[in-house]
Amino acid sequence: MLIDLVGYMIAGATGAGPTDPAVLVRLTALETDNAALKTRVTALEISRPFVRTATGLNAVPLGLGPMTVLSAFVIAPVAGNVTINYSTYVNNLEPGGKVRCAPFQTGDILPDNIISTTRGVGWFETAATPNGDEGSVSGTAQFPIGAGQMIAYRLACEKSGAAAAEVRGRAITAIFTPTP
């Protein structure tokens, strides 16, 4: 016969629960571990899902400089990378005019122009028709993010030329991937 004793009660003792000091120390340690685990789970719940998507259907008229047309916020529980995918539909009323869009981190939107070498840039150039043209602009870019950081990723678009242009049906998706 084998008997394994983890805790015991002393006959006649008042109150409930173990009285062995080793068991009490172990229970206290488990409660501390449980509290730490709960804190980590809460942080993960705040940052969850690991994919954030923002969409907008209304038309946004564009100016000659970059302007934010959509944002997605990410809170990183640990260090990693955020991959930004975006797409939008463009109505450009100027023959030969261009609409460029690119993702940026908070505060990093270029003050003057989005250039063709900007990370993740996509553009649409109209055909040589009198009324301009319509089409899609999309792209992908990856950004590092530190543990505990909250960063807004913004889709910025701009037009070239004097005629009107707008973006419609835009979407931005931020995918967080922890660093191994």
C-alpha atoms as a PDB file:
ATOM      1  CA  MET A   1       0.000   0.000   0.000  1.00  0.00           C
ATOM      2  CA  LEU A   2       1.299   3.474  -0.957  1.00  0.00           C
ATOM      3  CA  ILE A   3       0.042   6.670   0.686  1.00  0.00           C
ATOM      4  CA  ASP A   4       1.007  10.155  -0.567  1.00  0.00           C
ATOM      5  CA  LEU A   5       0.300  12.970   1.895  1.00  0.00           C
ATOM      6  CA  VAL A   6       0.182  16.528   0.475  1.00  0.00           C
ATOM      7  CA  GLY A   7      -1.637  18.225   3.339  1.00  0.00           C
ATOM      8  CA  TYR A   8      -3.317  17.311   6.547  1.00  0.00           C
ATOM      9  CA  MET A   9      -5.730  18.603   9.145  1.00  0.00           C
ATOM     10  CA  ILE A  10      -5.021  18.487  12.848  1.00  0.00           C
ATOM     11  CA  ALA A  11      -7.897  17.016  14.822  1.00  0.00           C
ATOM     12  CA  GLY A  12      -9.625  19.633  16.897  1.00  0.00           C
ATOM     13  CA  ALA A  13      -8.013  22.602  15.061  1.00  0.00           C
ATOM     14  CA  THR A  14     -10.312  25.521  14.243  1.00  0.00           C
ATOM     15  CA  GLY A  15     -10.580  27.020  10.762  1.00  0.00           C
ATOM     16  CA  ALA A  16     -10.222  25.318   7.430  1.00  0.00           C
ATOM     17  CA  GLY A  17      -7.146  24.802   5.307  1.00  0.00           C
ATOM     18  CA  PRO A  18      -3.665  23.379   5.591  1.00  0.00           C
ATOM     19  CA  THR A  19      -1.469  24.216   8.553  1.00  0.00           C
ATOM     20  CA  ASP A  20       1.818  22.750   7.309  1.00  0.00           C
ATOM     21  CA  PRO A  21       4.175  25.741   6.785  1.00  0.00           C
ATOM     22  CA  ALA A  22       5.652  24.173   3.625  1.00  0.00           C
ATOM     23  CA  VAL A  23       2.170  23.813   2.101  1.00  0.00           C
ATOM     24  CA  LEU A  24       1.296  27.408   3.053  1.00  0.00           C
ATOM     25  CA  VAL A  25       4.500  28.681   1.387  1.00  0.00           C
ATOM     26  CA  ARG A  26       3.707  26.704  -1.745  1.00  0.00           C
ATOM     27  CA  LEU A  27       0.112  28.004  -1.868  1.00  0.00           C
ATOM     28  CA  THR A  28       1.367  31.588  -1.488  1.00  0.00           C
ATOM     29  CA  ALA A  29       3.844  31.041  -4.336  1.00  0.00           C
ATOM     30  CA  LEU A  30       1.052  29.637  -6.526  1.00  0.00           C
ATOM     31  CA  GLU A  31      -1.125  32.679  -5.787  1.00  0.00           C
ATOM     32  CA  THR A  32       1.762  34.983  -6.762  1.00  0.00           C
ATOM     33  CA  ASP A  33       2.378  33.013  -9.981  1.00  0.00           C
ATOM     34  CA  ASN A  34      -1.345  33.131 -10.709  1.00  0.00           C
ATOM     35  CA  ALA A  35      -1.417  36.930 -10.269  1.00  0.00           C
ATOM     36  CA  ALA A  36       1.581  37.343 -12.616  1.00  0.00           C
ATOM     37  CA  LEU A  37      -0.050  35.079 -15.185  1.00  0.00           C
ATOM     38  CA  LYS A  38      -3.309  37.023 -14.934  1.00  0.00           C
ATOM     39  CA  THR A  39      -1.395  40.274 -15.603  1.00  0.00           C
ATOM     40  CA  ARG A  40       0.207  38.786 -18.734  1.00  0.00           C
ATOM     41  CA  VAL A  41      -3.120  37.388 -19.974  1.00  0.00           C
ATOM     42  CA  THR A  42      -4.768  40.798 -19.447  1.00  0.00           C
ATOM     43  CA  ALA A  43      -1.980  42.445 -21.490  1.00  0.00           C
ATOM     44  CA  LEU A  44      -2.515  39.925 -24.266  1.00  0.00           C
ATOM     45  CA  GLU A  45      -6.281  40.505 -24.179  1.00  0.00           C
ATOM     46  CA  ILE A  46      -5.739  44.256 -24.534  1.00  0.00           C
ATOM     47  CA  SER A  47      -3.497  43.773 -27.549  1.00  0.00           C
ATOM     48  CA  ARG A  48      -5.661  41.035 -29.044  1.00  0.00           C
ATOM     49  CA  PRO A  49      -6.484  40.367 -31.744  1.00  0.00           C
ATOM     50  CA  PHE A  50      -3.034  40.281 -33.267  1.00  0.00           C
ATOM     51  CA  VAL A  51      -4.665  41.559 -36.439  1.00  0.00           C
ATOM     52  CA  ARG A  52      -6.269  45.003 -36.436  1.00  0.00           C
ATOM     53  CA  THR A  53      -8.321  46.203 -39.383  1.00  0.00           C
ATOM     54  CA  ALA A  54      -9.863  49.591 -40.047  1.00  0.00           C
ATOM     55  CA  THR A  55     -12.089  50.417 -42.997  1.00  0.00           C
ATOM     56  CA  GLY A  56     -13.806  53.449 -44.456  1.00  0.00           C
ATOM     57  CA  LEU A  57     -16.362  53.634 -47.249  1.00  0.00           C
ATOM     58  CA  ASN A  58     -16.956  57.354 -47.620  1.00  0.00           C
ATOM     59  CA  ALA A  59     -15.028  59.338 -50.245  1.00  0.00           C
ATOM     60  CA  VAL A  60     -12.108  61.434 -48.952  1.00  0.00           C
ATOM     61  CA  PRO A  61     -10.949  64.273 -51.233  1.00  0.00           C
ATOM     62  CA  LEU A  62      -7.158  64.449 -51.561  1.00  0.00           C
ATOM     63  CA  GLY A  63      -4.863  67.451 -51.481  1.00  0.00           C
ATOM     64  CA  LEU A  64      -1.396  67.957 -52.935  1.00  0.00           C
ATOM     65  CA  GLY A  65       0.348  66.966 -49.695  1.00  0.00           C
ATOM     66  CA  PRO A  66       0.074  63.669 -47.807  1.00  0.00           C
ATOM     67  CA  MET A  67      -2.990  63.330 -45.621  1.00  0.00           C
ATOM     68  CA  THR A  68      -4.107  60.544 -43.303  1.00  0.00           C
ATOM     69  CA  VAL A  69      -7.140  58.720 -44.690  1.00  0.00           C
ATOM     70  CA  LEU A  70      -7.250  55.786 -42.218  1.00  0.00           C
ATOM     71  CA  SER A  71      -5.536  54.560 -39.019  1.00  0.00           C
ATOM     72  CA  ALA A  72      -5.049  51.281 -37.133  1.00  0.00           C
ATOM     73  CA  PHE A  73      -3.630  51.128 -33.580  1.00  0.00           C
ATOM     74  CA  VAL A  74      -1.451  48.316 -32.228  1.00  0.00           C
ATOM     75  CA  ILE A  75      -0.326  47.653 -28.629  1.00  0.00           C
ATOM     76  CA  ALA A  76       2.563  45.171 -28.531  1.00  0.00           C
ATOM     77  CA  PRO A  77       2.713  42.865 -25.477  1.00  0.00           C
ATOM     78  CA  VAL A  78       6.254  41.874 -26.522  1.00  0.00           C
ATOM     79  CA  ALA A  79       8.717  43.112 -29.147  1.00  0.00           C
ATOM     80  CA  GLY A  80       7.963  42.166 -32.719  1.00  0.00           C
ATOM     81  CA  ASN A  81       7.010  43.416 -36.145  1.00  0.00           C
ATOM     82  CA  VAL A  82       3.852  44.897 -37.565  1.00  0.00           C
ATOM     83  CA  THR A  83       3.035  44.175 -41.194  1.00  0.00           C
ATOM     84  CA  ILE A  84       0.728  46.745 -42.750  1.00  0.00           C
ATOM     85  CA  ASN A  85      -1.430  45.802 -45.726  1.00  0.00           C
ATOM     86  CA  TYR A  86      -3.660  48.411 -47.281  1.00  0.00           C
ATOM     87  CA  SER A  87      -5.885  48.978 -50.273  1.00  0.00           C
ATOM     88  CA  THR A  88      -8.092  51.771 -51.513  1.00  0.00           C
ATOM     89  CA  TYR A  89     -10.064  52.677 -54.576  1.00  0.00           C
ATOM     90  CA  VAL A  90      -9.123  55.907 -56.339  1.00  0.00           C
ATOM     91  CA  ASN A  91     -11.108  58.338 -58.448  1.00  0.00           C
ATOM     92  CA  ASN A  92      -8.587  60.617 -60.172  1.00  0.00           C
ATOM     93  CA  LEU A  93     -10.061  63.292 -62.448  1.00  0.00           C
ATOM     94  CA  GLU A  94      -6.857  64.469 -64.114  1.00  0.00           C
ATOM     95  CA  PRO A  95      -5.410  62.744 -67.198  1.00  0.00           C
ATOM     96  CA  GLY A  96      -1.886  61.621 -66.325  1.00  0.00           C
ATOM     97  CA  GLY A  97      -2.380  62.566 -62.668  1.00  0.00           C
ATOM     98  CA  LYS A  98      -1.152  60.246 -59.925  1.00  0.00           C
ATOM     99  CA  VAL A  99      -2.480  59.237 -56.544  1.00  0.00           C
ATOM    100  CA  ARG A 100       0.110  57.766 -54.179  1.00  0.00           C
ATOM    101  CA  CYS A 101      -0.617  56.059 -50.857  1.00  0.00           C
ATOM    102  CA  ALA A 102       1.735  54.592 -48.243  1.00  0.00           C
ATOM    103  CA  PRO A 103       1.583  53.427 -44.589  1.00  0.00           C
ATOM    104  CA  PHE A 104       3.391  55.395 -41.890  1.00  0.00           C
ATOM    105  CA  GLN A 105       3.918  55.134 -38.140  1.00  0.00           C
ATOM    106  CA  THR A 106       2.656  57.888 -35.843  1.00  0.00           C
ATOM    107  CA  GLY A 107       4.501  61.120 -36.556  1.00  0.00           C
ATOM    108  CA  ASP A 108       6.442  59.742 -39.534  1.00  0.00           C
ATOM    109  CA  ILE A 109       4.250  61.030 -42.378  1.00  0.00           C
ATOM    110  CA  LEU A 110       6.422  62.974 -44.777  1.00  0.00           C
ATOM    111  CA  PRO A 111       5.718  66.721 -44.685  1.00  0.00           C
ATOM    112  CA  ASP A 112       5.937  67.248 -48.447  1.00  0.00           C
ATOM    113  CA  ASN A 113       5.507  64.309 -50.849  1.00  0.00           C
ATOM    114  CA  ILE A 114       5.149  60.550 -50.802  1.00  0.00           C
ATOM    115  CA  ILE A 115       7.883  59.424 -53.173  1.00  0.00           C
ATOM    116  CA  SER A 116       8.082  56.218 -55.176  1.00  0.00           C
ATOM    117  CA  THR A 117      10.808  54.826 -52.880  1.00  0.00           C
ATOM    118  CA  THR A 118       8.723  55.289 -49.688  1.00  0.00           C
ATOM    119  CA  ARG A 119       8.318  51.966 -47.871  1.00  0.00           C
ATOM    120  CA  GLY A 120       5.091  50.254 -48.997  1.00  0.00           C
ATOM    121  CA  VAL A 121       4.107  52.933 -51.505  1.00  0.00           C
ATOM    122  CA  GLY A 122       1.425  52.143 -54.070  1.00  0.00           C
ATOM    123  CA  TRP A 123       0.151  54.469 -56.759  1.00  0.00           C
ATOM    124  CA  PHE A 124      -2.421  54.845 -59.468  1.00  0.00           C
ATOM    125  CA  GLU A 125      -1.792  56.856 -62.617  1.00  0.00           C
ATOM    126  CA  THR A 126      -4.703  57.878 -64.801  1.00  0.00           C
ATOM    127  CA  ALA A 127      -4.947  57.089 -68.467  1.00  0.00           C
ATOM    128  CA  ALA A 128      -4.904  59.944 -70.956  1.00  0.00           C
ATOM    129  CA  THR A 129      -8.684  60.326 -70.952  1.00  0.00           C
ATOM    130  CA  PRO A 130     -10.449  63.677 -70.622  1.00  0.00           C
ATOM    131  CA  ASN A 131     -12.308  62.689 -67.436  1.00  0.00           C
ATOM    132  CA  GLY A 132      -9.497  60.963 -65.586  1.00  0.00           C
ATOM    133  CA  ASP A 133      -9.770  57.365 -64.438  1.00  0.00           C
ATOM    134  CA  GLU A 134     -10.509  55.058 -61.508  1.00  0.00           C
ATOM    135  CA  GLY A 135      -8.503  52.177 -60.056  1.00  0.00           C
ATOM    136  CA  SER A 136      -6.980  50.486 -57.016  1.00  0.00           C
ATOM    137  CA  VAL A 137      -3.947  51.415 -54.949  1.00  0.00           C
ATOM    138  CA  SER A 138      -2.466  48.871 -52.533  1.00  0.00           C
ATOM    139  CA  GLY A 139       0.778  48.000 -50.786  1.00  0.00           C
ATOM    140  CA  THR A 140       2.531  46.285 -47.891  1.00  0.00           C
ATOM    141  CA  ALA A 141       5.210  47.452 -45.443  1.00  0.00           C
ATOM    142  CA  GLN A 142       6.744  46.080 -42.245  1.00  0.00           C
ATOM    143  CA  PHE A 143       7.665  48.090 -39.138  1.00  0.00           C
ATOM    144  CA  PRO A 144       9.440  47.027 -35.916  1.00  0.00           C
ATOM    145  CA  ILE A 145       7.597  47.588 -32.614  1.00  0.00           C
ATOM    146  CA  GLY A 146       8.933  47.409 -29.055  1.00  0.00           C
ATOM    147  CA  ALA A 147       7.359  45.634 -26.085  1.00  0.00           C
ATOM    148  CA  GLY A 148       4.602  47.716 -24.526  1.00  0.00           C
ATOM    149  CA  GLN A 149       4.524  50.274 -27.340  1.00  0.00           C
ATOM    150  CA  MET A 150       1.230  51.595 -28.692  1.00  0.00           C
ATOM    151  CA  ILE A 151       1.639  52.853 -32.242  1.00  0.00           C
ATOM    152  CA  ALA A 152      -0.860  54.250 -34.730  1.00  0.00           C
ATOM    153  CA  TYR A 153      -0.248  53.119 -38.277  1.00  0.00           C
ATOM    154  CA  ARG A 154      -1.681  55.570 -40.770  1.00  0.00           C
ATOM    155  CA  LEU A 155      -2.530  55.227 -44.405  1.00  0.00           C
ATOM    156  CA  ALA A 156      -1.598  58.528 -46.064  1.00  0.00           C
ATOM    157  CA  CYS A 157      -2.536  59.436 -49.638  1.00  0.00           C
ATOM    158  CA  GLU A 158      -1.891  62.413 -51.910  1.00  0.00           C
ATOM    159  CA  LYS A 159      -2.577  63.471 -55.478  1.00  0.00           C
ATOM    160  CA  SER A 160      -0.523  65.200 -58.123  1.00  0.00           C
ATOM    161  CA  GLY A 161      -1.971  67.767 -60.485  1.00  0.00           C
ATOM    162  CA  ALA A 162      -4.625  70.444 -60.129  1.00  0.00           C
ATOM    163  CA  ALA A 163      -7.777  68.397 -60.727  1.00  0.00           C
ATOM    164  CA  ALA A 164      -9.791  66.666 -58.031  1.00  0.00           C
ATOM    165  CA  ALA A 165      -8.986  63.184 -56.735  1.00  0.00           C
ATOM    166  CA  GLU A 166     -10.446  61.068 -53.947  1.00  0.00           C
ATOM    167  CA  VAL A 167     -10.007  57.702 -52.235  1.00  0.00           C
ATOM    168  CA  ARG A 168     -12.967  55.435 -51.410  1.00  0.00           C
ATOM    169  CA  GLY A 169     -13.484  52.003 -49.894  1.00  0.00           C
ATOM    170  CA  ARG A 170     -10.147  52.069 -48.102  1.00  0.00           C
ATOM    171  CA  ALA A 171      -8.837  49.424 -45.691  1.00  0.00           C
ATOM    172  CA  ILE A 172      -5.725  49.050 -43.559  1.00  0.00           C
ATOM    173  CA  THR A 173      -4.743  45.868 -41.718  1.00  0.00           C
ATOM    174  CA  ALA A 174      -2.006  45.719 -39.080  1.00  0.00           C
ATOM    175  CA  ILE A 175      -0.676  42.224 -38.337  1.00  0.00           C
ATOM    176  CA  PHE A 176       1.472  41.897 -35.194  1.00  0.00           C
ATOM    177  CA  THR A 177       4.058  39.102 -35.133  1.00  0.00           C
ATOM    178  CA  PRO A 178       6.171  38.566 -31.972  1.00  0.00           C
ATOM    179  CA  THR A 179       9.936  38.359 -32.417  1.00  0.00           C
ATOM    180  CA  PRO A 180      11.100  34.767 -31.816  1.00  0.00           C
END
